[in-house]
Amino acid sequence: MSVTLEKIDLLRDRTGATYKEARQALEGTGGDVVEALVLLEEDNKSWMEEGPHVEFMAKVKNFLKKSTDTRITVKSHEKTVVEIPAPLGVAGAVFLPKAAALGTLLLLFTKYSLQLEKKQPENGDNQNQEQA
């Protein structure tokens, strides 16, 4: 089988490969489009499963999990009034800084307290976790 521009375009449309990658895949498979698709998909999977981005994404996921374990708590006389996840509080402070500052000042000048609390693990698996 021959390598044609139509076959290259078909591979590019289906896989997002460059012209060079599509041509090399077709040449490596003797012009067989299906085999070239399989070859390009295998190359794409290995790229997605390896590399520095995998470690980075694992760190981001770990950070997000830990940050959702931290909560911002508003208390009045040791009674919890409001409890929100810390990332939500940070997002509120970033997008509405004046409202966050005003709310914090009002809380502190009244008989309310603002606390950061780390949620305790529900099972006994993580006894050695850092305390906030």
C-alpha atoms as a PDB file:
ATOM      1  CA  MET A   1       0.000   0.000   0.000  1.00  0.00           C
ATOM      2  CA  SER A   2       1.145   3.551  -0.610  1.00  0.00           C
ATOM      3  CA  VAL A   3       1.336   6.535   1.679  1.00  0.00           C
ATOM      4  CA  THR A   4      -1.046   9.225   0.466  1.00  0.00           C
ATOM      5  CA  LEU A   5      -1.946  12.681   1.720  1.00  0.00           C
ATOM      6  CA  GLU A   6      -5.513  11.489   2.401  1.00  0.00           C
ATOM      7  CA  LYS A   7      -4.223   8.740   4.703  1.00  0.00           C
ATOM      8  CA  ILE A   8      -1.945  11.189   6.489  1.00  0.00           C
ATOM      9  CA  ASP A   9      -4.836  13.641   6.937  1.00  0.00           C
ATOM     10  CA  LEU A  10      -7.049  10.845   8.274  1.00  0.00           C
ATOM     11  CA  LEU A  11      -4.434   9.882  10.855  1.00  0.00           C
ATOM     12  CA  ARG A  12      -3.904  13.495  11.860  1.00  0.00           C
ATOM     13  CA  ASP A  13      -7.637  14.051  12.304  1.00  0.00           C
ATOM     14  CA  ARG A  14      -8.053  10.949  14.456  1.00  0.00           C
ATOM     15  CA  THR A  15      -4.898  11.165  16.569  1.00  0.00           C
ATOM     16  CA  GLY A  16      -3.711  14.762  16.506  1.00  0.00           C
ATOM     17  CA  ALA A  17      -0.333  13.592  15.205  1.00  0.00           C
ATOM     18  CA  THR A  18       1.917  15.825  13.146  1.00  0.00           C
ATOM     19  CA  TYR A  19       2.396  15.224   9.410  1.00  0.00           C
ATOM     20  CA  LYS A  20       5.801  13.724  10.128  1.00  0.00           C
ATOM     21  CA  GLU A  21       4.464  11.351  12.802  1.00  0.00           C
ATOM     22  CA  ALA A  22       1.561  10.257  10.598  1.00  0.00           C
ATOM     23  CA  ARG A  23       3.836   9.667   7.597  1.00  0.00           C
ATOM     24  CA  GLN A  24       6.338   7.684   9.695  1.00  0.00           C
ATOM     25  CA  ALA A  25       3.559   5.552  11.152  1.00  0.00           C
ATOM     26  CA  LEU A  26       2.174   4.817   7.679  1.00  0.00           C
ATOM     27  CA  GLU A  27       5.626   4.003   6.319  1.00  0.00           C
ATOM     28  CA  GLY A  28       6.303   1.741   9.310  1.00  0.00           C
ATOM     29  CA  THR A  29       3.106  -0.185   8.668  1.00  0.00           C
ATOM     30  CA  GLY A  30       3.365  -0.368   4.905  1.00  0.00           C
ATOM     31  CA  GLY A  31       0.543   2.135   4.378  1.00  0.00           C
ATOM     32  CA  ASP A  32      -1.994   0.253   6.539  1.00  0.00           C
ATOM     33  CA  VAL A  33      -4.129   2.964   8.157  1.00  0.00           C
ATOM     34  CA  VAL A  34      -5.515   0.771  10.943  1.00  0.00           C
ATOM     35  CA  GLU A  35      -2.070  -0.465  11.988  1.00  0.00           C
ATOM     36  CA  ALA A  36      -0.758   3.096  11.856  1.00  0.00           C
ATOM     37  CA  LEU A  37      -3.619   4.212  14.132  1.00  0.00           C
ATOM     38  CA  VAL A  38      -2.743   1.483  16.620  1.00  0.00           C
ATOM     39  CA  LEU A  39       0.924   2.473  16.499  1.00  0.00           C
ATOM     40  CA  LEU A  40       0.192   6.164  17.073  1.00  0.00           C
ATOM     41  CA  GLU A  41      -2.231   5.398  19.924  1.00  0.00           C
ATOM     42  CA  GLU A  42       0.395   3.254  21.653  1.00  0.00           C
ATOM     43  CA  ASP A  43       2.934   6.070  21.342  1.00  0.00           C
ATOM     44  CA  ASN A  44       0.394   8.539  22.722  1.00  0.00           C
ATOM     45  CA  LYS A  45      -0.469   6.297  25.697  1.00  0.00           C
ATOM     46  CA  SER A  46       3.178   5.842  26.628  1.00  0.00           C
ATOM     47  CA  TRP A  47       3.636   9.628  26.582  1.00  0.00           C
ATOM     48  CA  MET A  48       0.581  10.116  28.781  1.00  0.00           C
ATOM     49  CA  GLU A  49       1.743   7.511  31.294  1.00  0.00           C
ATOM     50  CA  GLU A  50       5.361   8.664  31.546  1.00  0.00           C
ATOM     51  CA  GLY A  51       7.241  11.876  32.014  1.00  0.00           C
ATOM     52  CA  PRO A  52       7.563  14.716  34.485  1.00  0.00           C
ATOM     53  CA  HIS A  53       3.906  15.737  34.174  1.00  0.00           C
ATOM     54  CA  VAL A  54       2.804  12.522  35.902  1.00  0.00           C
ATOM     55  CA  GLU A  55       4.803  13.369  39.032  1.00  0.00           C
ATOM     56  CA  PHE A  56       3.589  16.975  38.933  1.00  0.00           C
ATOM     57  CA  MET A  57      -0.064  15.920  38.675  1.00  0.00           C
ATOM     58  CA  ALA A  58       0.395  13.485  41.571  1.00  0.00           C
ATOM     59  CA  LYS A  59       1.764  16.344  43.706  1.00  0.00           C
ATOM     60  CA  VAL A  60      -1.141  18.608  42.717  1.00  0.00           C
ATOM     61  CA  LYS A  61      -3.685  15.906  43.598  1.00  0.00           C
ATOM     62  CA  ASN A  62      -1.962  15.286  46.939  1.00  0.00           C
ATOM     63  CA  PHE A  63      -1.941  19.019  47.705  1.00  0.00           C
ATOM     64  CA  LEU A  64      -5.641  19.354  46.878  1.00  0.00           C
ATOM     65  CA  LYS A  65      -6.505  16.375  49.062  1.00  0.00           C
ATOM     66  CA  LYS A  66      -4.530  17.781  51.992  1.00  0.00           C
ATOM     67  CA  SER A  67      -5.983  21.254  51.524  1.00  0.00           C
ATOM     68  CA  THR A  68      -9.549  19.940  51.637  1.00  0.00           C
ATOM     69  CA  ASP A  69      -8.693  18.303  54.955  1.00  0.00           C
ATOM     70  CA  THR A  70      -8.075  21.808  56.365  1.00  0.00           C
ATOM     71  CA  ARG A  71     -11.159  23.785  57.279  1.00  0.00           C
ATOM     72  CA  ILE A  72     -11.855  27.379  58.286  1.00  0.00           C
ATOM     73  CA  THR A  73     -14.131  27.393  61.319  1.00  0.00           C
ATOM     74  CA  VAL A  74     -16.041  30.301  62.849  1.00  0.00           C
ATOM     75  CA  LYS A  75     -16.883  29.668  66.501  1.00  0.00           C
ATOM     76  CA  SER A  76     -18.850  31.467  69.155  1.00  0.00           C
ATOM     77  CA  HIS A  77     -18.187  30.345  72.729  1.00  0.00           C
ATOM     78  CA  GLU A  78     -16.739  27.011  71.514  1.00  0.00           C
ATOM     79  CA  LYS A  79     -19.851  26.364  69.405  1.00  0.00           C
ATOM     80  CA  THR A  80     -19.206  25.993  65.669  1.00  0.00           C
ATOM     81  CA  VAL A  81     -21.204  28.517  63.661  1.00  0.00           C
ATOM     82  CA  VAL A  82     -19.747  27.994  60.161  1.00  0.00           C
ATOM     83  CA  GLU A  83     -17.223  25.541  58.774  1.00  0.00           C
ATOM     84  CA  ILE A  84     -15.924  25.751  55.189  1.00  0.00           C
ATOM     85  CA  PRO A  85     -13.054  24.046  53.332  1.00  0.00           C
ATOM     86  CA  ALA A  86      -9.886  26.149  53.314  1.00  0.00           C
ATOM     87  CA  PRO A  87      -9.608  26.251  49.483  1.00  0.00           C
ATOM     88  CA  LEU A  88     -13.092  27.784  49.323  1.00  0.00           C
ATOM     89  CA  GLY A  89     -12.101  30.406  51.864  1.00  0.00           C
ATOM     90  CA  VAL A  90      -8.918  31.215  49.969  1.00  0.00           C
ATOM     91  CA  ALA A  91     -10.855  31.475  46.697  1.00  0.00           C
ATOM     92  CA  GLY A  92     -13.316  33.841  48.377  1.00  0.00           C
ATOM     93  CA  ALA A  93     -10.464  35.988  49.684  1.00  0.00           C
ATOM     94  CA  VAL A  94      -8.856  36.110  46.233  1.00  0.00           C
ATOM     95  CA  PHE A  95     -12.014  36.942  44.286  1.00  0.00           C
ATOM     96  CA  LEU A  96     -13.717  39.098  46.925  1.00  0.00           C
ATOM     97  CA  PRO A  97     -10.877  40.557  49.002  1.00  0.00           C
ATOM     98  CA  LYS A  98     -12.845  43.509  50.417  1.00  0.00           C
ATOM     99  CA  ALA A  99     -15.724  41.302  51.553  1.00  0.00           C
ATOM    100  CA  ALA A 100     -13.298  38.779  53.084  1.00  0.00           C
ATOM    101  CA  ALA A 101     -11.405  41.504  54.957  1.00  0.00           C
ATOM    102  CA  LEU A 102     -14.610  43.123  56.217  1.00  0.00           C
ATOM    103  CA  GLY A 103     -16.034  39.774  57.311  1.00  0.00           C
ATOM    104  CA  THR A 104     -12.823  38.835  59.104  1.00  0.00           C
ATOM    105  CA  LEU A 105     -12.711  42.182  60.926  1.00  0.00           C
ATOM    106  CA  LEU A 106     -16.352  41.881  61.985  1.00  0.00           C
ATOM    107  CA  LEU A 107     -15.723  38.396  63.326  1.00  0.00           C
ATOM    108  CA  LEU A 108     -12.669  39.454  65.282  1.00  0.00           C
ATOM    109  CA  PHE A 109     -14.317  42.553  66.822  1.00  0.00           C
ATOM    110  CA  THR A 110     -17.316  40.527  67.972  1.00  0.00           C
ATOM    111  CA  LYS A 111     -17.285  37.473  70.213  1.00  0.00           C
ATOM    112  CA  TYR A 112     -16.515  35.088  67.382  1.00  0.00           C
ATOM    113  CA  SER A 113     -13.245  33.325  66.713  1.00  0.00           C
ATOM    114  CA  LEU A 114     -11.774  32.325  63.381  1.00  0.00           C
ATOM    115  CA  GLN A 115      -9.784  29.087  63.384  1.00  0.00           C
ATOM    116  CA  LEU A 116      -7.977  26.845  60.934  1.00  0.00           C
ATOM    117  CA  GLU A 117      -8.556  23.213  61.800  1.00  0.00           C
ATOM    118  CA  LYS A 118      -7.148  20.102  60.223  1.00  0.00           C
ATOM    119  CA  LYS A 119      -9.733  17.346  59.933  1.00  0.00           C
ATOM    120  CA  GLN A 120      -8.714  14.295  61.930  1.00  0.00           C
ATOM    121  CA  PRO A 121      -8.460  10.998  60.037  1.00  0.00           C
ATOM    122  CA  GLU A 122     -11.581   8.915  60.464  1.00  0.00           C
ATOM    123  CA  ASN A 123      -9.709   5.629  60.636  1.00  0.00           C
ATOM    124  CA  GLY A 124      -6.657   4.913  62.758  1.00  0.00           C
ATOM    125  CA  ASP A 125      -4.374   4.495  59.729  1.00  0.00           C
ATOM    126  CA  ASN A 126      -2.769   7.935  59.806  1.00  0.00           C
ATOM    127  CA  GLN A 127      -1.757   8.404  63.427  1.00  0.00           C
ATOM    128  CA  ASN A 128       1.544  10.082  62.519  1.00  0.00           C
ATOM    129  CA  GLN A 129       0.137  12.945  60.430  1.00  0.00           C
ATOM    130  CA  GLU A 130       1.374  16.477  60.991  1.00  0.00           C
ATOM    131  CA  GLN A 131      -0.878  18.596  63.160  1.00  0.00           C
ATOM    132  CA  ALA A 132      -1.857  22.070  61.902  1.00  0.00           C
END
